[in-house]
Amino acid sequence: MLLMNRQILLALALLVIVVMAIGVYEGNKYRTEISTVALGSQQTDGMYMLKVNVIMNYGPFGGKSPLSNAVIWVYKYNGTTYSFYTYNFTNSQGIASFNLPAGQYKILVTQLRLTYIVNLNQNEEVIINYAYLNSG
């Protein structure tokens, strides 16, 4: 009987260690990721299209959803500093679109206080996969 209790406790301890290891592994994968996708180099009246796609990632059990009605500010680099240039709101799919001349821009997602710098020399989409639970 005593030997059986020890075996049960050992099995439970091993199960706890395995579950913790899986949690640590999954937790390390969960972070904010920003990527860009080239949409082609075709200009329209000297302007390129910049799309900003904001996706909220609520963790392995919470899923993902677009951030609608978020305010996106765009700052243009003038050689020494960034100056406010324009703004837009994300639509129900979490996408805000801008038509901008070529140059360097800083994107600010105001609700998330997240910035990203992009060099615009073609049509591009910036995809922000925001780790909500790690936003601290």
N, C-alpha and C. Protein backbone atom coordinates (compact mmCIF):
# COMPACT_ATOMS: atom_id res chain seq x y z
N MET A 1 0.83 -1.19 0.00
CA MET A 1 0.00 0.00 0.00
C MET A 1 0.87 1.26 0.00
N LEU A 2 1.91 1.27 0.83
CA LEU A 2 2.81 2.42 0.90
C LEU A 2 3.55 2.59 -0.43
N LEU A 3 3.94 1.48 -1.04
CA LEU A 3 4.63 1.54 -2.33
C LEU A 3 3.71 2.09 -3.41
N MET A 4 2.43 1.72 -3.38
CA MET A 4 1.46 2.20 -4.36
C MET A 4 1.25 3.72 -4.21
N ASN A 5 1.19 4.21 -2.98
CA ASN A 5 1.03 5.65 -2.75
C ASN A 5 2.22 6.43 -3.30
N ARG A 6 3.42 5.88 -3.11
CA ARG A 6 4.62 6.54 -3.64
C ARG A 6 4.60 6.57 -5.16
N GLN A 7 4.16 5.50 -5.77
CA GLN A 7 4.10 5.45 -7.23
C GLN A 7 3.08 6.46 -7.76
N ILE A 8 1.96 6.58 -7.07
CA ILE A 8 0.94 7.55 -7.48
C ILE A 8 1.48 8.97 -7.34
N LEU A 9 2.14 9.26 -6.24
CA LEU A 9 2.72 10.59 -6.04
C LEU A 9 3.81 10.88 -7.07
N LEU A 10 4.62 9.88 -7.38
CA LEU A 10 5.66 10.05 -8.39
C LEU A 10 5.05 10.33 -9.76
N ALA A 11 3.99 9.61 -10.11
CA ALA A 11 3.31 9.82 -11.39
C ALA A 11 2.69 11.23 -11.45
N LEU A 12 2.09 11.68 -10.35
CA LEU A 12 1.50 13.02 -10.31
C LEU A 12 2.59 14.09 -10.42
N ALA A 13 3.71 13.89 -9.76
CA ALA A 13 4.82 14.85 -9.84
C ALA A 13 5.36 14.93 -11.26
N LEU A 14 5.47 13.78 -11.91
CA LEU A 14 5.94 13.75 -13.29
C LEU A 14 4.95 14.47 -14.22
N LEU A 15 3.67 14.27 -14.00
CA LEU A 15 2.64 14.94 -14.79
C LEU A 15 2.71 16.46 -14.62
N VAL A 16 2.91 16.92 -13.39
CA VAL A 16 3.03 18.36 -13.12
C VAL A 16 4.26 18.92 -13.85
N ILE A 17 5.37 18.21 -13.84
CA ILE A 17 6.58 18.68 -14.51
C ILE A 17 6.35 18.78 -16.02
N VAL A 18 5.68 17.79 -16.60
CA VAL A 18 5.40 17.81 -18.05
C VAL A 18 4.49 18.98 -18.40
N VAL A 19 3.43 19.19 -17.62
CA VAL A 19 2.50 20.29 -17.88
C VAL A 19 3.21 21.64 -17.75
N MET A 20 4.07 21.78 -16.76
CA MET A 20 4.82 23.04 -16.59
C MET A 20 5.77 23.27 -17.77
N ALA A 21 6.42 22.21 -18.24
CA ALA A 21 7.34 22.34 -19.38
C ALA A 21 6.58 22.78 -20.62
N ILE A 22 5.40 22.23 -20.85
CA ILE A 22 4.59 22.64 -22.00
C ILE A 22 4.18 24.10 -21.86
N GLY A 23 3.81 24.52 -20.65
CA GLY A 23 3.42 25.91 -20.42
C GLY A 23 4.57 26.87 -20.66
N VAL A 24 5.76 26.53 -20.21
CA VAL A 24 6.93 27.38 -20.44
C VAL A 24 7.23 27.48 -21.93
N TYR A 25 7.15 26.36 -22.63
CA TYR A 25 7.40 26.35 -24.08
C TYR A 25 6.39 27.23 -24.81
N GLU A 26 5.11 27.06 -24.51
CA GLU A 26 4.08 27.86 -25.17
C GLU A 26 4.21 29.34 -24.80
N GLY A 27 4.56 29.62 -23.55
CA GLY A 27 4.72 31.01 -23.11
C GLY A 27 5.85 31.72 -23.82
N ASN A 28 6.91 31.00 -24.12
CA ASN A 28 8.04 31.61 -24.84
C ASN A 28 7.71 31.92 -26.29
N LYS A 29 6.77 31.21 -26.88
CA LYS A 29 6.36 31.47 -28.26
C LYS A 29 5.41 32.65 -28.35
N TYR A 30 4.78 33.03 -27.26
CA TYR A 30 3.74 34.05 -27.25
C TYR A 30 4.35 35.42 -27.07
N ARG A 31 4.46 36.18 -28.16
CA ARG A 31 5.02 37.53 -28.10
C ARG A 31 4.48 38.35 -29.27
N THR A 32 4.61 39.65 -29.16
CA THR A 32 4.20 40.54 -30.24
C THR A 32 5.14 40.36 -31.42
N GLU A 33 4.55 40.17 -32.59
CA GLU A 33 5.35 40.02 -33.81
C GLU A 33 4.87 41.04 -34.84
N ILE A 34 5.84 41.67 -35.51
CA ILE A 34 5.53 42.64 -36.56
C ILE A 34 6.24 42.17 -37.82
N SER A 35 5.48 42.08 -38.90
CA SER A 35 6.06 41.67 -40.18
C SER A 35 5.54 42.59 -41.28
N THR A 36 6.27 42.61 -42.39
CA THR A 36 5.84 43.40 -43.54
C THR A 36 5.71 42.49 -44.75
N VAL A 37 4.76 42.82 -45.60
CA VAL A 37 4.51 42.08 -46.83
C VAL A 37 4.51 43.08 -47.98
N ALA A 38 5.33 42.83 -48.98
CA ALA A 38 5.36 43.69 -50.17
C ALA A 38 4.11 43.44 -50.99
N LEU A 39 3.46 44.52 -51.40
CA LEU A 39 2.23 44.41 -52.20
C LEU A 39 2.46 44.86 -53.63
N GLY A 40 3.71 45.05 -54.02
CA GLY A 40 4.02 45.49 -55.38
C GLY A 40 4.56 46.90 -55.39
N SER A 41 5.16 47.28 -56.50
CA SER A 41 5.81 48.59 -56.57
C SER A 41 5.07 49.58 -57.43
N GLN A 42 3.86 49.31 -57.83
CA GLN A 42 3.07 50.19 -58.69
C GLN A 42 2.62 51.44 -57.92
N GLN A 43 3.07 52.61 -58.37
CA GLN A 43 2.66 53.87 -57.77
C GLN A 43 1.36 54.34 -58.39
N THR A 44 0.60 55.09 -57.62
CA THR A 44 -0.59 55.76 -58.13
C THR A 44 -0.44 57.25 -57.83
N ASP A 45 -0.25 58.05 -58.88
CA ASP A 45 -0.02 59.49 -58.74
C ASP A 45 1.14 59.78 -57.79
N GLY A 46 2.22 59.01 -57.89
CA GLY A 46 3.40 59.22 -57.07
C GLY A 46 3.26 58.77 -55.63
N MET A 47 2.19 58.04 -55.34
CA MET A 47 1.93 57.59 -53.96
C MET A 47 1.98 56.06 -53.89
N TYR A 48 2.42 55.58 -52.73
CA TYR A 48 2.38 54.16 -52.44
C TYR A 48 1.30 53.89 -51.41
N MET A 49 0.76 52.68 -51.43
CA MET A 49 -0.24 52.30 -50.43
C MET A 49 0.46 51.61 -49.26
N LEU A 50 0.15 52.08 -48.07
CA LEU A 50 0.61 51.45 -46.85
C LEU A 50 -0.61 50.96 -46.10
N LYS A 51 -0.66 49.66 -45.84
CA LYS A 51 -1.73 49.07 -45.04
C LYS A 51 -1.15 48.67 -43.70
N VAL A 52 -1.88 48.98 -42.64
CA VAL A 52 -1.49 48.58 -41.30
C VAL A 52 -2.58 47.65 -40.78
N ASN A 53 -2.23 46.41 -40.52
CA ASN A 53 -3.17 45.39 -40.08
C ASN A 53 -2.85 45.04 -38.62
N VAL A 54 -3.80 45.32 -37.72
CA VAL A 54 -3.57 45.10 -36.29
C VAL A 54 -4.44 43.93 -35.83
N ILE A 55 -3.77 42.88 -35.35
CA ILE A 55 -4.44 41.66 -34.89
C ILE A 55 -4.12 41.49 -33.41
N MET A 56 -5.16 41.35 -32.60
CA MET A 56 -4.97 41.11 -31.17
C MET A 56 -4.88 39.60 -30.93
N ASN A 57 -3.80 39.19 -30.29
CA ASN A 57 -3.58 37.78 -29.97
C ASN A 57 -3.79 37.61 -28.47
N TYR A 58 -4.85 36.89 -28.11
CA TYR A 58 -5.22 36.75 -26.70
C TYR A 58 -4.66 35.48 -26.07
N GLY A 59 -3.66 34.89 -26.67
CA GLY A 59 -3.01 33.73 -26.10
C GLY A 59 -3.49 32.43 -26.70
N PRO A 60 -2.90 31.32 -26.25
CA PRO A 60 -3.21 30.03 -26.87
C PRO A 60 -4.67 29.60 -26.71
N PHE A 61 -5.36 30.10 -25.69
CA PHE A 61 -6.75 29.70 -25.48
C PHE A 61 -7.74 30.82 -25.80
N GLY A 62 -7.24 32.03 -26.04
CA GLY A 62 -8.11 33.17 -26.30
C GLY A 62 -8.33 33.47 -27.75
N GLY A 63 -7.45 32.97 -28.62
CA GLY A 63 -7.60 33.20 -30.05
C GLY A 63 -7.11 34.57 -30.49
N LYS A 64 -7.43 34.91 -31.73
CA LYS A 64 -7.01 36.17 -32.34
C LYS A 64 -8.23 36.88 -32.91
N SER A 65 -8.17 38.21 -32.92
CA SER A 65 -9.24 38.99 -33.55
C SER A 65 -8.66 40.34 -33.99
N PRO A 66 -9.22 40.91 -35.06
CA PRO A 66 -8.74 42.22 -35.53
C PRO A 66 -9.11 43.32 -34.55
N LEU A 67 -8.27 44.34 -34.47
CA LEU A 67 -8.54 45.49 -33.62
C LEU A 67 -9.22 46.56 -34.47
N SER A 68 -10.53 46.67 -34.32
CA SER A 68 -11.27 47.65 -35.13
C SER A 68 -11.34 48.99 -34.42
N ASN A 69 -11.50 50.05 -35.21
CA ASN A 69 -11.62 51.43 -34.73
C ASN A 69 -10.40 51.91 -33.94
N ALA A 70 -9.24 51.34 -34.20
CA ALA A 70 -8.01 51.82 -33.56
C ALA A 70 -7.48 53.01 -34.35
N VAL A 71 -6.91 53.96 -33.65
CA VAL A 71 -6.35 55.15 -34.29
C VAL A 71 -4.89 54.87 -34.63
N ILE A 72 -4.55 55.03 -35.91
CA ILE A 72 -3.17 54.84 -36.37
C ILE A 72 -2.64 56.20 -36.81
N TRP A 73 -1.58 56.65 -36.17
CA TRP A 73 -0.92 57.90 -36.55
C TRP A 73 0.30 57.56 -37.39
N VAL A 74 0.58 58.39 -38.38
CA VAL A 74 1.75 58.21 -39.23
C VAL A 74 2.60 59.48 -39.13
N TYR A 75 3.88 59.28 -38.84
CA TYR A 75 4.85 60.37 -38.77
C TYR A 75 5.84 60.21 -39.91
N LYS A 76 6.17 61.31 -40.58
CA LYS A 76 7.13 61.28 -41.70
C LYS A 76 8.48 61.79 -41.21
N TYR A 77 9.53 61.09 -41.62
CA TYR A 77 10.89 61.50 -41.27
C TYR A 77 11.35 62.59 -42.23
N ASN A 78 11.84 63.71 -41.67
CA ASN A 78 12.25 64.83 -42.52
C ASN A 78 13.76 65.00 -42.57
N GLY A 79 14.51 63.98 -42.16
CA GLY A 79 15.97 64.06 -42.19
C GLY A 79 16.58 64.21 -40.81
N THR A 80 15.83 64.79 -39.88
CA THR A 80 16.35 64.94 -38.52
C THR A 80 15.39 64.42 -37.46
N THR A 81 14.10 64.52 -37.74
CA THR A 81 13.09 64.10 -36.76
C THR A 81 11.83 63.64 -37.48
N TYR A 82 10.94 63.02 -36.72
CA TYR A 82 9.65 62.60 -37.26
C TYR A 82 8.60 63.66 -36.94
N SER A 83 7.81 64.03 -37.95
CA SER A 83 6.74 64.99 -37.77
C SER A 83 5.42 64.33 -38.13
N PHE A 84 4.37 64.69 -37.38
CA PHE A 84 3.05 64.11 -37.65
C PHE A 84 2.67 64.39 -39.10
N TYR A 85 2.17 63.34 -39.77
CA TYR A 85 1.82 63.47 -41.19
C TYR A 85 0.32 63.25 -41.43
N THR A 86 -0.24 62.14 -40.91
CA THR A 86 -1.65 61.85 -41.11
C THR A 86 -2.10 60.78 -40.11
N TYR A 87 -3.39 60.49 -40.12
CA TYR A 87 -3.92 59.43 -39.26
C TYR A 87 -5.10 58.77 -39.97
N ASN A 88 -5.47 57.60 -39.46
CA ASN A 88 -6.64 56.90 -39.97
C ASN A 88 -7.09 55.92 -38.89
N PHE A 89 -8.27 55.36 -39.09
CA PHE A 89 -8.83 54.37 -38.17
C PHE A 89 -8.81 52.99 -38.83
N THR A 90 -8.64 51.95 -38.05
CA THR A 90 -8.73 50.61 -38.60
C THR A 90 -10.20 50.27 -38.84
N ASN A 91 -10.44 49.47 -39.88
CA ASN A 91 -11.80 49.04 -40.18
C ASN A 91 -12.15 47.78 -39.36
N SER A 92 -13.25 47.15 -39.68
CA SER A 92 -13.68 45.98 -38.90
C SER A 92 -12.74 44.80 -39.06
N GLN A 93 -11.91 44.79 -40.10
CA GLN A 93 -10.90 43.74 -40.27
C GLN A 93 -9.56 44.12 -39.63
N GLY A 94 -9.50 45.28 -38.96
CA GLY A 94 -8.29 45.72 -38.29
C GLY A 94 -7.28 46.39 -39.22
N ILE A 95 -7.72 46.83 -40.39
CA ILE A 95 -6.80 47.39 -41.39
C ILE A 95 -7.06 48.88 -41.57
N ALA A 96 -5.97 49.66 -41.52
CA ALA A 96 -6.00 51.08 -41.87
C ALA A 96 -5.14 51.26 -43.11
N SER A 97 -5.64 52.01 -44.09
CA SER A 97 -4.91 52.21 -45.35
C SER A 97 -4.51 53.67 -45.50
N PHE A 98 -3.31 53.85 -46.06
CA PHE A 98 -2.78 55.19 -46.29
C PHE A 98 -2.18 55.24 -47.69
N ASN A 99 -2.29 56.38 -48.37
CA ASN A 99 -1.59 56.65 -49.62
C ASN A 99 -0.54 57.70 -49.31
N LEU A 100 0.74 57.29 -49.43
CA LEU A 100 1.85 58.13 -48.99
C LEU A 100 2.94 58.19 -50.05
N PRO A 101 3.66 59.32 -50.12
CA PRO A 101 4.83 59.35 -51.00
C PRO A 101 5.95 58.50 -50.41
N ALA A 102 6.91 58.15 -51.25
CA ALA A 102 8.04 57.35 -50.77
C ALA A 102 8.75 58.08 -49.63
N GLY A 103 9.27 57.32 -48.69
CA GLY A 103 9.99 57.91 -47.57
C GLY A 103 9.98 57.01 -46.36
N GLN A 104 10.53 57.52 -45.29
CA GLN A 104 10.59 56.79 -44.03
C GLN A 104 9.50 57.29 -43.11
N TYR A 105 8.75 56.35 -42.53
CA TYR A 105 7.61 56.69 -41.69
C TYR A 105 7.66 55.92 -40.38
N LYS A 106 7.11 56.56 -39.36
CA LYS A 106 6.90 55.88 -38.08
C LYS A 106 5.40 55.72 -37.91
N ILE A 107 4.98 54.48 -37.65
CA ILE A 107 3.57 54.16 -37.42
C ILE A 107 3.36 54.07 -35.92
N LEU A 108 2.30 54.69 -35.43
CA LEU A 108 1.95 54.61 -34.01
C LEU A 108 0.52 54.08 -33.90
N VAL A 109 0.37 52.93 -33.25
CA VAL A 109 -0.96 52.42 -32.92
C VAL A 109 -1.26 52.97 -31.53
N THR A 110 -2.11 54.01 -31.47
CA THR A 110 -2.25 54.77 -30.24
C THR A 110 -2.79 53.94 -29.08
N GLN A 111 -3.78 53.08 -29.32
CA GLN A 111 -4.36 52.29 -28.23
C GLN A 111 -3.34 51.36 -27.60
N LEU A 112 -2.37 50.89 -28.38
CA LEU A 112 -1.38 49.93 -27.89
C LEU A 112 -0.07 50.60 -27.50
N ARG A 113 0.08 51.90 -27.83
CA ARG A 113 1.33 52.63 -27.62
C ARG A 113 2.50 51.88 -28.25
N LEU A 114 2.27 51.42 -29.47
CA LEU A 114 3.26 50.63 -30.19
C LEU A 114 3.68 51.38 -31.44
N THR A 115 4.99 51.50 -31.67
CA THR A 115 5.50 52.18 -32.85
C THR A 115 6.32 51.21 -33.70
N TYR A 116 6.37 51.52 -34.98
CA TYR A 116 7.16 50.72 -35.92
C TYR A 116 7.59 51.64 -37.05
N ILE A 117 8.84 51.51 -37.47
CA ILE A 117 9.38 52.35 -38.54
C ILE A 117 9.41 51.54 -39.83
N VAL A 118 8.93 52.16 -40.91
CA VAL A 118 8.90 51.50 -42.22
C VAL A 118 9.48 52.44 -43.26
N ASN A 119 10.32 51.88 -44.15
CA ASN A 119 10.83 52.62 -45.30
C ASN A 119 9.93 52.28 -46.48
N LEU A 120 9.17 53.24 -46.91
CA LEU A 120 8.16 53.01 -47.95
C LEU A 120 8.74 53.35 -49.32
N ASN A 121 9.04 52.31 -50.11
CA ASN A 121 9.48 52.50 -51.49
C ASN A 121 8.73 51.55 -52.42
N GLN A 122 7.66 50.98 -51.89
CA GLN A 122 6.74 50.13 -52.63
C GLN A 122 5.46 50.02 -51.81
N ASN A 123 4.42 49.46 -52.38
CA ASN A 123 3.20 49.23 -51.61
C ASN A 123 3.49 48.15 -50.58
N GLU A 124 3.11 48.40 -49.33
CA GLU A 124 3.43 47.46 -48.26
C GLU A 124 2.27 47.31 -47.30
N GLU A 125 2.25 46.14 -46.66
CA GLU A 125 1.33 45.90 -45.55
C GLU A 125 2.16 45.57 -44.33
N VAL A 126 1.90 46.27 -43.24
CA VAL A 126 2.55 46.00 -41.96
C VAL A 126 1.54 45.22 -41.12
N ILE A 127 1.91 44.03 -40.72
CA ILE A 127 1.03 43.17 -39.93
C ILE A 127 1.55 43.14 -38.50
N ILE A 128 0.71 43.62 -37.58
CA ILE A 128 1.07 43.66 -36.16
C ILE A 128 0.22 42.62 -35.46
N ASN A 129 0.88 41.56 -35.00
CA ASN A 129 0.24 40.49 -34.25
C ASN A 129 0.58 40.75 -32.78
N TYR A 130 -0.32 41.44 -32.09
CA TYR A 130 -0.04 41.98 -30.75
C TYR A 130 -0.38 40.98 -29.65
N ALA A 131 0.61 40.64 -28.85
CA ALA A 131 0.42 39.70 -27.74
C ALA A 131 -0.21 40.47 -26.57
N TYR A 132 -1.52 40.39 -26.48
CA TYR A 132 -2.27 41.17 -25.50
C TYR A 132 -1.88 40.83 -24.06
N LEU A 133 -1.71 39.56 -23.76
CA LEU A 133 -1.43 39.14 -22.38
C LEU A 133 -0.02 39.50 -21.94
N ASN A 134 0.87 39.80 -22.87
CA ASN A 134 2.24 40.20 -22.54
C ASN A 134 2.44 41.70 -22.63
N SER A 135 1.37 42.47 -22.70
CA SER A 135 1.49 43.91 -22.95
C SER A 135 1.98 44.69 -21.74
N GLY A 136 1.91 44.10 -20.54
CA GLY A 136 2.42 44.66 -19.30
C GLY A 136 2.36 46.10 -19.24
